[in-house]
Amino acid sequence: MTASVWLKLGHRFLGHSPTWYKKTIIIFLLINPLVYLLAGSQTCAWFILGEFIFTLAMALEAFPLQPGGLLLIEALFLGLTTPESLNQEVTNNFSVLLLLIFMVTAIHFLRDLLMIIFSKILTVTQSQAILALLFTISAAVLSAFLDALTVTAVVITVATGFHGLINQAKQANDVSEQDFQTFRDFLCGLMMHSAVGTALGGVFTLIGEPQNLLIGYQMGWNFKEFIIHMAPVSLPVLLLGLLTCLCLERFGVFGYGIKMPVSVKARLNKATPQELTGNYDIDTMTLLIQAFSAIVLIIALSLHVAEIGFIGLMVIILATTLNGNNKEEQLAIAFRDSMPFTALLVVFFGIVAMLHEQHLFSPLIAWVHSLPEEIQASTMFAVNGILSSISDNVFVATLYIEETRAAFDRGLLSRGAFEQLAIAINAGTNLPSVATPNGQAAFLFLLTSALAPMIGLTYGRMVWMALPYTIVLTISGLACTALFI
């Protein structure tokens, strides 16, 4: 095929991404068979792994499903892994897919209640520092019991509603242009605090982040056991993260500490729940039913009455039935948010299957296991943290927990050492990954949302504003892993 034909094909699967990115992906696809023929399967697998991580790092240019999926198809075609291995990986982690499909969808039917909660916090709280702290705590608590990505989606919706109301007020000359710009910067800081809050809470529980369930499944931990095992790291890190939030607001550094203008707050105080949520059918009974569904969800999770995905399905049925949402199109919209990432996760499992079959990371895992037992966990935290800060933390966690599980099954690790490394993997993939939008799905979701350009949130600004949190969470997480695990 000519170069022009390849570029046309590249345009098809990468949409409006820059030409250089399309050419890069095409080069990847062309060079891998040559590497396989000239250097063998293991070297080719390393190439594909590096290329896949590149597609994750460039997620702002194109959603990784298409370029990453093509790399997986090529790996299958070259025999670096097999459909049977892919099927086995998906089967082993089916509970994670259920979590994404049903739990994320379930929270869609609780969004009105969550939006009202965040709205009340914003309009009632007087202190700027306390407001930021409350948003961070709320995001952390909700992420621990719901899902970080979904909570981020709710906060984005709330902030978008606020922005729309104040923009209308500006058009009506009720809010000045200067106050409007100040409010945009205020919202930017608040959204970053909330995003970090999802990471602080996400490390706590079995469902806080998708990789938590992967790790919990490999360890056989239920909801309570996961919290207990992670507490020596998650609790101190949470406290230090909240202290960082207060310090950033108190000293007004890294883009924080901007106060909401009085004129803006006056307009928000007048807003009705219908204006804030965009749902003009909302009433007290709707909110009560959503609150009841949320209570059932938390109780069911705490008692571990069933697989988490099935609990999510139960909440979908309860919330929709009691509120009269019995049309197929009403359900379809809710499933839309979860399915792209679910599909991407299947591609993750395919790449992991390739890594297992080619034994790429076995030497690294063996090296970690060869270290003195007292430093194995902290070393694993560091190894995971570095890769998670530039790549997707779910992928990194999947890779390392399955390699570690394989080592345990071969008798290379005691049960105690296996548990220590599992805690280190969970902490290492959850905490340092706040460094860039590439590491956390919630951060990437915020950056690629319609809200980001409204409040002036760019990639560089997000990295800069996340920097103090990255430093504190990484150092404290590493210290806690070294001292208490």
Protein backbone atom coordinates (compact mmCIF):
# COMPACT_ATOMS: atom_id res chain seq x y z
CA MET A 1 0.00 0.00 0.00
CA THR A 2 1.13 3.55 -0.61
CA ALA A 3 1.80 5.99 2.20
CA SER A 4 -1.32 7.96 1.32
CA VAL A 5 -3.49 4.87 1.73
CA TRP A 6 -1.96 4.17 5.13
CA LEU A 7 -2.62 7.76 6.21
CA LYS A 8 -6.23 7.49 5.10
CA LEU A 9 -6.56 4.34 7.18
CA GLY A 10 -4.89 6.13 10.08
CA HIS A 11 -7.38 8.96 9.79
CA ARG A 12 -10.19 6.43 9.95
CA PHE A 13 -9.22 4.90 13.29
CA LEU A 14 -7.68 7.97 14.93
CA GLY A 15 -10.25 10.57 13.90
CA HIS A 16 -8.95 14.13 14.06
CA SER A 17 -5.70 13.37 15.87
CA PRO A 18 -2.58 15.16 14.62
CA THR A 19 -0.91 13.74 11.52
CA TRP A 20 2.32 12.96 13.40
CA TYR A 21 0.41 10.73 15.83
CA LYS A 22 -1.32 8.86 13.02
CA LYS A 23 2.02 8.29 11.28
CA THR A 24 3.56 7.07 14.54
CA ILE A 25 0.85 4.46 15.09
CA ILE A 26 1.14 3.30 11.48
CA ILE A 27 4.92 2.95 11.87
CA PHE A 28 4.35 0.88 15.02
CA LEU A 29 2.05 -1.49 13.18
CA LEU A 30 4.48 -1.86 10.27
CA ILE A 31 7.68 -2.30 12.27
CA ASN A 32 6.45 -4.96 14.73
CA PRO A 33 6.38 -7.86 12.22
CA LEU A 34 9.93 -6.95 11.14
CA VAL A 35 11.10 -6.95 14.75
CA TYR A 36 9.42 -10.32 15.25
CA LEU A 37 11.21 -11.81 12.24
CA LEU A 38 14.62 -10.29 13.00
CA ALA A 39 14.79 -10.32 16.80
CA GLY A 40 12.24 -12.86 18.02
CA SER A 41 9.01 -12.90 19.98
CA GLN A 42 10.25 -11.47 23.30
CA THR A 43 11.83 -8.41 21.71
CA CYS A 44 8.70 -7.84 19.65
CA ALA A 45 6.58 -8.13 22.80
CA TRP A 46 8.72 -5.42 24.45
CA PHE A 47 8.15 -3.20 21.42
CA ILE A 48 4.39 -3.71 21.57
CA LEU A 49 4.36 -3.03 25.32
CA GLY A 50 6.23 0.25 24.84
CA GLU A 51 3.93 1.21 21.99
CA PHE A 52 0.85 0.41 24.07
CA ILE A 53 2.09 2.55 26.96
CA PHE A 54 2.65 5.32 24.40
CA THR A 55 -1.00 5.11 23.33
CA LEU A 56 -2.05 5.41 26.97
CA ALA A 57 0.21 8.42 27.49
CA MET A 58 -1.25 10.05 24.38
CA ALA A 59 -4.86 9.48 25.41
CA LEU A 60 -5.63 13.17 24.82
CA GLU A 61 -4.89 12.67 21.12
CA ALA A 62 -7.05 9.55 20.73
CA PHE A 63 -8.87 7.21 23.06
CA PRO A 64 -6.48 4.25 23.53
CA LEU A 65 -9.05 1.60 22.59
CA GLN A 66 -8.49 1.86 18.83
CA PRO A 67 -4.67 2.15 18.56
CA GLY A 68 -4.15 -0.12 21.56
CA GLY A 69 -6.67 -2.61 20.21
CA LEU A 70 -4.87 -2.76 16.87
CA LEU A 71 -1.62 -3.53 18.68
CA LEU A 72 -3.38 -6.37 20.53
CA ILE A 73 -4.79 -7.75 17.27
CA GLU A 74 -1.28 -7.66 15.83
CA ALA A 75 0.10 -9.47 18.89
CA LEU A 76 -2.55 -12.17 18.43
CA PHE A 77 -1.76 -12.43 14.73
CA LEU A 78 1.98 -12.82 15.44
CA GLY A 79 1.30 -15.51 18.01
CA LEU A 80 2.68 -13.52 20.97
CA THR A 81 -0.47 -14.53 22.82
CA THR A 82 -3.57 -16.54 21.96
CA PRO A 83 -7.34 -15.96 22.02
CA GLU A 84 -7.51 -18.68 24.68
CA SER A 85 -5.13 -16.73 26.93
CA LEU A 86 -7.11 -13.53 26.36
CA ASN A 87 -10.31 -15.36 27.24
CA GLN A 88 -8.68 -16.73 30.39
CA GLU A 89 -7.55 -13.26 31.50
CA VAL A 90 -11.02 -11.81 30.91
CA THR A 91 -12.64 -14.74 32.74
CA ASN A 92 -10.27 -14.35 35.70
CA ASN A 93 -11.14 -10.66 35.96
CA PHE A 94 -14.80 -10.82 35.00
CA SER A 95 -15.84 -9.31 38.34
CA VAL A 96 -13.98 -6.12 37.42
CA LEU A 97 -15.88 -5.84 34.15
CA LEU A 98 -19.14 -6.31 36.07
CA LEU A 99 -18.08 -3.50 38.39
CA LEU A 100 -17.55 -1.11 35.51
CA ILE A 101 -20.65 -2.12 33.59
CA PHE A 102 -23.16 -2.10 36.45
CA MET A 103 -21.73 -0.07 39.35
CA VAL A 104 -20.73 2.97 37.29
CA THR A 105 -24.14 2.81 35.60
CA ALA A 106 -25.93 2.52 38.95
CA ILE A 107 -24.43 5.79 40.20
CA HIS A 108 -25.93 7.54 37.16
CA PHE A 109 -29.33 7.04 38.80
CA LEU A 110 -28.10 8.60 42.07
CA ARG A 111 -26.58 11.68 40.44
CA ASP A 112 -29.35 14.12 41.35
CA LEU A 113 -28.87 13.40 45.06
CA LEU A 114 -25.09 13.68 44.82
CA MET A 115 -25.32 16.93 42.90
CA ILE A 116 -27.62 18.46 45.52
CA ILE A 117 -25.14 17.44 48.24
CA PHE A 118 -22.21 19.13 46.48
CA SER A 119 -24.34 22.19 45.69
CA LYS A 120 -25.30 22.66 49.33
CA ILE A 121 -21.68 22.35 50.42
CA LEU A 122 -20.69 25.06 47.95
CA THR A 123 -23.37 27.58 48.85
CA VAL A 124 -23.51 27.08 52.64
CA THR A 125 -19.80 26.97 53.55
CA GLN A 126 -18.29 30.37 54.35
CA SER A 127 -14.56 29.59 54.70
CA GLN A 128 -12.67 29.01 51.46
CA ALA A 129 -10.25 26.54 53.10
CA ILE A 130 -13.07 24.59 54.75
CA LEU A 131 -14.98 24.54 51.46
CA ALA A 132 -12.00 23.01 49.64
CA LEU A 133 -11.55 20.54 52.49
CA LEU A 134 -15.23 19.51 52.42
CA PHE A 135 -15.15 18.95 48.66
CA THR A 136 -12.00 16.85 49.02
CA ILE A 137 -13.48 14.81 51.88
CA SER A 138 -16.80 14.36 50.09
CA ALA A 139 -15.06 13.16 46.93
CA ALA A 140 -12.90 10.79 49.00
CA VAL A 141 -15.82 9.28 50.93
CA LEU A 142 -18.01 8.90 47.86
CA SER A 143 -15.15 7.39 45.85
CA ALA A 144 -14.50 4.83 48.57
CA PHE A 145 -18.08 3.56 48.46
CA LEU A 146 -19.03 4.29 44.87
CA ASP A 147 -16.36 4.75 42.19
CA ALA A 148 -13.77 7.46 41.59
CA LEU A 149 -14.61 7.93 37.92
CA THR A 150 -18.32 8.23 38.59
CA VAL A 151 -17.84 10.69 41.45
CA THR A 152 -15.65 12.81 39.18
CA ALA A 153 -18.40 12.75 36.57
CA VAL A 154 -20.90 13.99 39.16
CA VAL A 155 -18.63 16.82 40.33
CA ILE A 156 -18.01 17.83 36.71
CA THR A 157 -21.76 17.98 36.12
CA VAL A 158 -22.23 20.12 39.24
CA ALA A 159 -19.44 22.51 38.24
CA THR A 160 -20.74 22.72 34.67
CA GLY A 161 -24.15 23.67 36.02
CA PHE A 162 -22.59 26.34 38.22
CA HIS A 163 -20.59 27.69 35.30
CA GLY A 164 -23.69 27.86 33.12
CA LEU A 165 -25.70 29.73 35.73
CA ILE A 166 -22.99 32.31 36.34
CA ASN A 167 -22.38 32.71 32.63
CA GLN A 168 -26.08 33.55 32.22
CA ALA A 169 -25.80 35.99 35.11
CA LYS A 170 -22.85 37.63 33.37
CA GLN A 171 -24.87 37.98 30.19
CA ALA A 172 -27.59 39.65 32.24
CA ASN A 173 -24.99 41.98 33.85
CA ASP A 174 -25.69 40.53 37.31
CA VAL A 175 -22.06 39.37 37.52
CA SER A 176 -19.10 41.37 36.23
CA GLU A 177 -16.58 39.99 33.74
CA GLN A 178 -13.84 40.15 36.37
CA ASP A 179 -15.95 38.22 38.90
CA PHE A 180 -16.76 35.66 36.23
CA GLN A 181 -13.04 35.09 35.47
CA THR A 182 -12.29 34.82 39.18
CA PHE A 183 -15.06 32.26 39.52
CA ARG A 184 -13.54 30.21 36.68
CA ASP A 185 -10.21 30.06 38.53
CA PHE A 186 -12.04 29.23 41.76
CA LEU A 187 -13.82 26.32 40.06
CA CYS A 188 -10.52 25.09 38.62
CA GLY A 189 -9.00 24.80 42.08
CA LEU A 190 -12.10 23.16 43.49
CA MET A 191 -12.15 20.58 40.71
CA MET A 192 -8.51 19.69 41.31
CA HIS A 193 -9.13 19.25 45.05
CA SER A 194 -12.08 16.99 44.20
CA ALA A 195 -10.07 14.95 41.70
CA VAL A 196 -7.33 14.38 44.27
CA GLY A 197 -10.04 13.50 46.79
CA THR A 198 -11.15 10.63 44.56
CA ALA A 199 -7.59 9.29 44.64
CA LEU A 200 -7.38 9.63 48.44
CA GLY A 201 -10.64 7.74 48.91
CA GLY A 202 -10.12 5.39 46.00
CA VAL A 203 -7.18 3.63 47.66
CA PHE A 204 -9.28 2.65 50.70
CA THR A 205 -11.81 0.10 49.49
CA LEU A 206 -12.39 -2.78 47.15
CA ILE A 207 -14.35 -0.64 44.67
CA GLY A 208 -12.62 2.73 45.00
CA GLU A 209 -10.65 2.11 41.80
CA PRO A 210 -10.98 -0.70 39.22
CA GLN A 211 -7.54 -2.08 40.02
CA ASN A 212 -8.50 -2.48 43.69
CA LEU A 213 -10.97 -5.18 42.73
CA LEU A 214 -8.32 -6.88 40.60
CA ILE A 215 -5.99 -6.97 43.59
CA GLY A 216 -8.70 -7.95 46.05
CA TYR A 217 -9.81 -10.77 43.77
CA GLN A 218 -6.28 -12.20 43.56
CA MET A 219 -5.92 -11.98 47.34
CA GLY A 220 -9.37 -13.31 48.22
CA TRP A 221 -10.13 -10.20 50.32
CA ASN A 222 -13.71 -9.11 50.92
CA PHE A 223 -14.81 -5.50 51.40
CA LYS A 224 -13.89 -5.31 55.11
CA GLU A 225 -10.62 -7.20 54.74
CA PHE A 226 -9.47 -4.89 51.98
CA ILE A 227 -10.06 -1.80 54.16
CA ILE A 228 -8.20 -3.37 57.09
CA HIS A 229 -5.19 -4.40 55.00
CA MET A 230 -4.90 -0.98 53.34
CA ALA A 231 -5.49 1.12 56.48
CA PRO A 232 -1.81 1.39 57.57
CA VAL A 233 -1.12 3.23 54.30
CA SER A 234 -4.45 4.77 53.33
CA LEU A 235 -5.28 6.45 56.66
CA PRO A 236 -1.98 8.39 57.18
CA VAL A 237 -1.92 9.36 53.50
CA LEU A 238 -5.51 10.63 53.73
CA LEU A 239 -4.70 12.82 56.73
CA LEU A 240 -1.59 14.25 55.07
CA GLY A 241 -3.52 14.80 51.83
CA LEU A 242 -6.21 16.77 53.68
CA LEU A 243 -3.53 18.78 55.48
CA THR A 244 -1.99 19.58 52.09
CA CYS A 245 -5.39 20.80 50.89
CA LEU A 246 -5.66 23.21 53.82
CA CYS A 247 -2.10 24.48 53.35
CA LEU A 248 -2.61 25.11 49.63
CA GLU A 249 -5.73 27.17 50.32
CA ARG A 250 -4.19 28.98 53.29
CA PHE A 251 -1.06 30.07 51.43
CA GLY A 252 -2.62 30.40 47.96
CA VAL A 253 0.13 28.61 46.03
CA PHE A 254 0.08 26.39 42.90
CA GLY A 255 -3.09 28.12 41.66
CA TYR A 256 -5.19 27.52 44.78
CA GLY A 257 -6.66 29.90 47.36
CA ILE A 258 -8.90 31.89 44.98
CA LYS A 259 -12.15 32.92 46.68
CA MET A 260 -15.60 32.86 45.16
CA PRO A 261 -16.84 36.42 44.44
CA VAL A 262 -19.75 37.67 46.55
CA SER A 263 -21.92 38.36 43.48
CA VAL A 264 -21.44 34.80 42.27
CA LYS A 265 -22.35 33.28 45.62
CA ALA A 266 -25.50 35.43 45.79
CA ARG A 267 -26.66 34.06 42.43
CA LEU A 268 -25.92 30.46 43.37
CA ASN A 269 -27.92 30.84 46.60
CA LYS A 270 -30.97 31.70 44.49
CA ALA A 271 -30.61 28.64 42.23
CA THR A 272 -33.24 25.90 42.48
CA PRO A 273 -32.42 22.17 42.52
CA GLN A 274 -33.89 21.96 39.02
CA GLU A 275 -31.49 24.63 37.76
CA LEU A 276 -28.50 22.99 39.43
CA THR A 277 -29.16 19.45 38.21
CA GLY A 278 -30.72 20.27 34.86
CA ASN A 279 -33.51 17.80 35.76
CA TYR A 280 -36.78 19.67 35.85
CA ASP A 281 -38.74 16.56 36.88
CA ILE A 282 -36.86 16.26 40.16
CA ASP A 283 -38.87 16.34 43.41
CA THR A 284 -38.51 15.33 47.04
CA MET A 285 -39.70 11.77 46.42
CA THR A 286 -37.10 11.31 43.67
CA LEU A 287 -34.32 12.37 46.05
CA LEU A 288 -35.67 10.14 48.86
CA ILE A 289 -35.68 7.13 46.54
CA GLN A 290 -32.12 7.89 45.47
CA ALA A 291 -31.08 8.23 49.13
CA PHE A 292 -32.73 4.88 49.93
CA SER A 293 -30.92 3.25 47.00
CA ALA A 294 -27.60 4.72 48.16
CA ILE A 295 -28.12 3.35 51.69
CA VAL A 296 -28.95 -0.09 50.30
CA LEU A 297 -25.78 0.11 48.18
CA ILE A 298 -23.51 0.94 51.12
CA ILE A 299 -25.04 -1.75 53.36
CA ALA A 300 -24.77 -4.39 50.63
CA LEU A 301 -21.15 -3.47 49.97
CA SER A 302 -20.23 -3.49 53.66
CA LEU A 303 -21.79 -6.94 54.17
CA HIS A 304 -20.45 -8.22 50.83
CA VAL A 305 -23.80 -9.87 50.08
CA ALA A 306 -22.82 -10.54 46.45
CA GLU A 307 -20.29 -9.69 43.76
CA ILE A 308 -19.99 -5.91 43.51
CA GLY A 309 -21.25 -5.81 39.94
CA PHE A 310 -24.41 -7.65 40.96
CA ILE A 311 -24.96 -5.15 43.77
CA GLY A 312 -24.69 -2.40 41.18
CA LEU A 313 -27.29 -4.16 39.03
CA MET A 314 -29.60 -4.38 42.05
CA VAL A 315 -29.27 -0.62 42.62
CA ILE A 316 -30.04 0.04 38.95
CA ILE A 317 -33.23 -2.01 39.25
CA LEU A 318 -34.29 -0.38 42.53
CA ALA A 319 -33.56 3.22 41.56
CA THR A 320 -35.13 2.99 38.11
CA THR A 321 -38.20 1.01 39.16
CA LEU A 322 -39.08 3.20 42.13
CA ASN A 323 -38.59 6.38 40.10
CA GLY A 324 -40.53 5.12 37.08
CA ASN A 325 -37.58 4.98 34.64
CA ASN A 326 -38.91 2.06 32.62
CA LYS A 327 -37.92 3.09 29.08
CA GLU A 328 -35.02 1.41 27.31
CA GLU A 329 -33.56 4.72 26.14
CA GLN A 330 -33.43 5.97 29.76
CA LEU A 331 -31.27 2.98 30.67
CA ALA A 332 -29.10 3.14 27.54
CA ILE A 333 -27.87 6.65 28.35
CA ALA A 334 -26.66 5.48 31.76
CA PHE A 335 -24.63 2.61 30.31
CA ARG A 336 -22.91 4.92 27.84
CA ASP A 337 -20.35 6.24 30.35
CA SER A 338 -19.04 2.85 31.43
CA MET A 339 -18.74 0.90 28.19
CA PRO A 340 -15.74 2.60 26.47
CA PHE A 341 -13.49 2.02 29.48
CA THR A 342 -14.84 -1.53 29.86
CA ALA A 343 -13.82 -2.26 26.28
CA LEU A 344 -10.39 -0.73 26.91
CA LEU A 345 -9.95 -2.94 29.96
CA VAL A 346 -10.41 -6.04 27.79
CA VAL A 347 -7.53 -4.75 25.64
CA PHE A 348 -5.50 -4.31 28.86
CA PHE A 349 -6.10 -7.97 29.68
CA GLY A 350 -4.98 -8.97 26.19
CA ILE A 351 -1.67 -7.11 26.56
CA VAL A 352 -1.20 -8.65 30.01
CA ALA A 353 -1.81 -12.10 28.48
CA MET A 354 0.98 -11.35 26.00
CA LEU A 355 3.32 -10.31 28.81
CA HIS A 356 2.60 -13.51 30.71
CA GLU A 357 3.16 -15.76 27.73
CA GLN A 358 6.44 -14.02 26.86
CA HIS A 359 7.56 -13.82 30.54
CA LEU A 360 8.66 -10.21 30.10
CA PHE A 361 8.37 -9.08 33.69
CA SER A 362 9.36 -12.30 35.39
CA PRO A 363 13.00 -11.14 35.82
CA LEU A 364 11.90 -7.83 37.41
CA ILE A 365 9.48 -9.56 39.77
CA ALA A 366 12.17 -12.12 40.61
CA TRP A 367 14.61 -9.27 41.38
CA VAL A 368 12.11 -7.65 43.77
CA HIS A 369 11.58 -11.00 45.46
CA SER A 370 15.34 -11.50 45.78
CA LEU A 371 15.66 -8.34 47.89
CA PRO A 372 15.57 -8.50 51.68
CA GLU A 373 11.95 -8.99 52.72
CA GLU A 374 11.87 -5.74 54.69
CA ILE A 375 12.40 -3.62 51.56
CA GLN A 376 10.42 -5.65 49.02
CA ALA A 377 7.15 -3.78 49.61
CA SER A 378 8.68 -0.30 49.37
CA THR A 379 10.59 -1.27 46.23
CA MET A 380 7.40 -2.59 44.67
CA PHE A 381 5.64 0.68 45.58
CA ALA A 382 8.37 2.68 43.83
CA VAL A 383 8.40 0.48 40.72
CA ASN A 384 4.61 0.69 40.40
CA GLY A 385 4.52 4.40 41.18
CA ILE A 386 6.97 5.39 38.46
CA LEU A 387 5.09 3.52 35.76
CA SER A 388 1.65 4.56 37.03
CA SER A 389 2.59 8.25 36.90
CA ILE A 390 3.02 8.08 33.13
CA SER A 391 0.73 5.19 32.20
CA ASP A 392 -2.71 3.94 33.22
CA ASN A 393 -2.71 2.66 36.81
CA VAL A 394 -5.26 -0.10 36.08
CA PHE A 395 -2.96 -1.59 33.46
CA VAL A 396 0.08 -1.35 35.74
CA ALA A 397 -1.76 -2.96 38.66
CA THR A 398 -3.07 -5.77 36.45
CA LEU A 399 0.44 -6.49 35.25
CA TYR A 400 2.17 -6.57 38.62
CA ILE A 401 -0.48 -8.30 40.73
CA GLU A 402 -0.77 -11.17 38.25
CA GLU A 403 3.00 -11.61 38.03
CA THR A 404 3.21 -11.55 41.84
CA ARG A 405 0.36 -14.04 42.10
CA ALA A 406 2.19 -16.34 39.69
CA ALA A 407 5.30 -16.14 41.89
CA PHE A 408 3.20 -17.01 44.96
CA ASP A 409 1.64 -19.97 43.18
CA ARG A 410 5.13 -21.24 42.32
CA GLY A 411 6.06 -21.16 46.01
CA LEU A 412 8.48 -18.24 45.70
CA LEU A 413 6.56 -16.11 48.22
CA SER A 414 5.01 -16.73 51.60
CA ARG A 415 1.40 -15.65 52.15
CA GLY A 416 2.60 -12.77 54.35
CA ALA A 417 5.02 -11.51 51.71
CA PHE A 418 2.33 -11.84 49.05
CA GLU A 419 -0.05 -9.68 51.11
CA GLN A 420 2.64 -7.04 51.67
CA LEU A 421 3.38 -6.80 47.97
CA ALA A 422 -0.33 -6.62 47.14
CA ILE A 423 -0.73 -3.65 49.50
CA ALA A 424 2.32 -2.00 47.92
CA ILE A 425 0.94 -2.56 44.41
CA ASN A 426 -2.43 -1.06 45.35
CA ALA A 427 -0.88 1.97 47.04
CA GLY A 428 1.78 2.39 44.36
CA THR A 429 -0.73 2.47 41.53
CA ASN A 430 -3.26 4.69 43.32
CA LEU A 431 -1.14 7.45 44.87
CA PRO A 432 1.78 8.51 42.58
CA SER A 433 -0.57 8.26 39.58
CA VAL A 434 -2.04 11.69 40.44
CA ALA A 435 1.10 13.18 38.88
CA THR A 436 -0.38 13.30 35.37
CA PRO A 437 -3.77 12.81 33.73
CA ASN A 438 -2.36 9.66 32.11
CA GLY A 439 -2.20 7.80 35.41
CA GLN A 440 -5.73 8.24 36.75
CA ALA A 441 -8.88 7.72 34.70
CA ALA A 442 -10.67 10.32 36.83
CA PHE A 443 -8.02 12.95 36.03
CA LEU A 444 -8.12 12.14 32.34
CA PHE A 445 -11.91 12.27 32.37
CA LEU A 446 -11.78 15.74 33.93
CA LEU A 447 -9.19 17.00 31.45
CA THR A 448 -11.11 15.74 28.43
CA SER A 449 -14.51 16.94 29.68
CA ALA A 450 -16.37 19.94 28.26
CA LEU A 451 -15.78 21.70 31.59
CA ALA A 452 -11.96 21.84 31.26
CA PRO A 453 -11.80 24.56 28.56
CA MET A 454 -14.57 26.50 30.33
CA ILE A 455 -12.43 26.89 33.46
CA GLY A 456 -9.07 27.08 31.67
CA LEU A 457 -7.81 23.68 32.83
CA THR A 458 -5.03 22.51 30.51
CA TYR A 459 -2.66 19.53 30.71
CA GLY A 460 0.21 21.67 32.01
CA ARG A 461 -1.97 23.46 34.54
CA MET A 462 -3.31 20.15 35.85
CA VAL A 463 0.20 18.72 36.28
CA TRP A 464 1.32 21.92 38.06
CA MET A 465 -1.67 21.99 40.40
CA ALA A 466 -1.30 18.27 41.15
CA LEU A 467 2.43 18.61 41.91
CA PRO A 468 2.19 19.33 45.68
CA TYR A 469 -0.25 16.46 46.09
CA THR A 470 2.00 14.18 44.03
CA ILE A 471 4.96 14.92 46.28
CA VAL A 472 3.04 14.46 49.54
CA LEU A 473 1.11 11.36 48.49
CA THR A 474 4.15 9.64 46.98
CA ILE A 475 6.52 10.31 49.87
CA SER A 476 3.95 9.51 52.58
CA GLY A 477 2.75 6.41 50.74
CA LEU A 478 6.30 5.15 50.32
CA ALA A 479 7.12 5.89 53.98
CA CYS A 480 4.01 4.14 55.26
CA THR A 481 4.69 1.14 53.05
CA ALA A 482 8.28 0.92 54.30
CA LEU A 483 7.39 1.44 57.99
CA PHE A 484 4.06 -0.30 58.52
CA ILE A 485 3.80 -3.02 55.85
